[in-house]
Amino acid sequence: MTAQATTQDQADIIICHATIVDVEHRQLLPDQAVATRRNRIDAVGHDADVAKRWHAEQTVNGRNRYLIPGLWDMHVHFGGGEALTEENLALLPLCVANGVTTIRDASGGLPPGRAALAP
């Protein structure tokens, strides 16, 4: 009789025991896990299901916490032209820290090619 090895995919971070806010279906999903790799979400599902397939060196306990989709700010004015480009770009980490992952620039003040760049 031979032992069958279980292969697990390697994630960078697994957030476990979190409640996911499913905005599409207007419901809360408790005891969920999210596996990320190279700054991308690779798996979302019930804790036990994700644990069967994924392994990570770093896990984050999301108990009593909620995971939501990234927020969009649809009216930002990055103005000032070239002189304020670096200052405007420096604001992006603050946005991400507060859950805003997408911004619509209503003023068009960032030079072409720089608008999609984050520091």
Protein backbone atom coordinates (compact mmCIF):
# COMPACT_ATOMS: atom_id res chain seq x y z
CA MET A 1 0.00 0.00 0.00
CA THR A 2 1.43 3.38 -1.01
CA ALA A 3 0.77 6.69 0.66
CA GLN A 4 -0.77 9.27 -1.60
CA ALA A 5 0.74 12.74 -1.18
CA THR A 6 -1.58 15.69 -0.87
CA THR A 7 -0.45 18.62 -2.98
CA GLN A 8 -1.24 22.11 -1.72
CA ASP A 9 -0.80 25.34 -3.62
CA GLN A 10 1.45 27.91 -1.99
CA ALA A 11 -0.12 31.28 -1.15
CA ASP A 12 1.67 34.32 0.21
CA ILE A 13 -1.05 35.12 2.75
CA ILE A 14 -4.23 33.38 3.84
CA ILE A 15 -6.86 35.36 5.69
CA CYS A 16 -9.03 32.87 7.58
CA HIS A 17 -12.18 32.92 9.74
CA ALA A 18 -13.36 36.19 8.15
CA THR A 19 -16.87 37.24 7.21
CA ILE A 20 -17.08 38.16 3.53
CA VAL A 21 -19.55 40.84 2.50
CA ASP A 22 -21.08 39.52 -0.72
CA VAL A 23 -22.47 42.71 -2.22
CA GLU A 24 -23.78 40.98 -5.34
CA HIS A 25 -26.10 38.69 -3.37
CA ARG A 26 -26.59 41.04 -0.39
CA GLN A 27 -25.42 38.55 2.22
CA LEU A 28 -22.72 37.93 4.81
CA LEU A 29 -20.67 34.75 4.46
CA PRO A 30 -19.07 33.74 7.80
CA ASP A 31 -16.02 31.50 8.28
CA GLN A 32 -14.48 32.27 4.91
CA ALA A 33 -10.86 32.25 3.84
CA VAL A 34 -9.00 34.17 1.14
CA ALA A 35 -5.68 33.00 -0.31
CA THR A 36 -3.50 35.61 -2.01
CA ARG A 37 -0.41 35.15 -4.13
CA ARG A 38 1.67 37.86 -5.79
CA ASN A 39 -0.83 40.58 -4.78
CA ARG A 40 -3.74 38.72 -6.38
CA ILE A 41 -6.65 36.84 -4.84
CA ASP A 42 -6.34 33.19 -5.91
CA ALA A 43 -9.00 31.52 -3.79
CA VAL A 44 -12.07 32.43 -1.77
CA GLY A 45 -14.21 29.93 0.07
CA HIS A 46 -15.13 28.27 3.31
CA ASP A 47 -12.18 27.96 5.71
CA ALA A 48 -12.03 24.16 5.49
CA ASP A 49 -12.16 24.11 1.69
CA VAL A 50 -9.38 26.66 1.28
CA ALA A 51 -7.24 24.91 3.93
CA LYS A 52 -7.43 21.64 1.96
CA ARG A 53 -5.88 23.21 -1.12
CA TRP A 54 -3.77 26.12 0.09
CA HIS A 55 -0.82 26.61 2.44
CA ALA A 56 0.89 29.88 3.42
CA GLU A 57 3.74 30.92 5.66
CA GLN A 58 1.66 33.87 6.87
CA THR A 59 -1.94 33.58 8.02
CA VAL A 60 -4.13 36.37 9.31
CA ASN A 61 -6.96 35.62 11.70
CA GLY A 62 -9.99 37.48 10.40
CA ARG A 63 -12.35 36.41 13.18
CA ASN A 64 -14.81 39.21 14.04
CA ARG A 65 -13.67 41.11 10.94
CA TYR A 66 -15.19 41.71 7.53
CA LEU A 67 -13.72 41.54 4.03
CA ILE A 68 -15.33 43.83 1.48
CA PRO A 69 -14.69 44.48 -2.21
CA GLY A 70 -12.35 47.35 -2.98
CA LEU A 71 -14.07 50.74 -2.85
CA TRP A 72 -14.11 53.17 -5.76
CA ASP A 73 -13.81 56.94 -5.37
CA MET A 74 -15.46 58.25 -8.51
CA HIS A 75 -14.75 61.96 -8.03
CA VAL A 76 -11.16 62.94 -7.21
CA HIS A 77 -9.35 66.01 -8.53
CA PHE A 78 -5.65 65.30 -8.98
CA GLY A 79 -4.80 68.82 -10.07
CA GLY A 80 -1.77 71.03 -10.25
CA GLY A 81 -0.18 69.53 -13.33
CA GLU A 82 3.41 68.34 -13.42
CA ALA A 83 4.38 70.38 -10.33
CA LEU A 84 2.10 68.32 -8.05
CA THR A 85 2.40 64.90 -9.71
CA GLU A 86 4.54 63.36 -6.97
CA GLU A 87 2.35 64.85 -4.23
CA ASN A 88 -0.79 63.49 -5.90
CA LEU A 89 0.76 60.03 -6.30
CA ALA A 90 1.83 60.07 -2.64
CA LEU A 91 -1.88 60.14 -1.68
CA LEU A 92 -2.55 56.73 -3.27
CA PRO A 93 -1.23 54.60 -0.36
CA LEU A 94 -3.58 56.51 1.97
CA CYS A 95 -6.48 55.61 -0.31
CA VAL A 96 -5.55 51.92 -0.29
CA ALA A 97 -5.15 51.96 3.50
CA ASN A 98 -8.78 53.09 3.70
CA GLY A 99 -10.11 50.47 1.27
CA VAL A 100 -10.16 52.58 -1.90
CA THR A 101 -8.61 50.53 -4.68
CA THR A 102 -9.85 52.48 -7.71
CA ILE A 103 -9.98 56.22 -8.36
CA ARG A 104 -11.54 58.20 -11.18
CA ASP A 105 -9.60 61.43 -11.72
CA ALA A 106 -12.15 64.13 -12.56
CA SER A 107 -9.57 66.84 -13.31
CA GLY A 108 -7.08 64.99 -15.49
CA GLY A 109 -4.18 66.64 -13.67
CA LEU A 110 -1.83 63.64 -13.81
CA PRO A 111 0.37 63.51 -16.89
CA PRO A 112 -0.34 60.75 -19.43
CA GLY A 113 1.28 57.47 -18.45
CA ARG A 114 1.48 58.36 -14.75
CA ALA A 115 -2.22 58.05 -13.93
CA ALA A 116 -2.09 54.25 -13.61
CA LEU A 117 1.07 54.17 -11.52
CA ALA A 118 1.14 53.78 -7.78
CA PRO A 119 4.25 54.41 -5.71
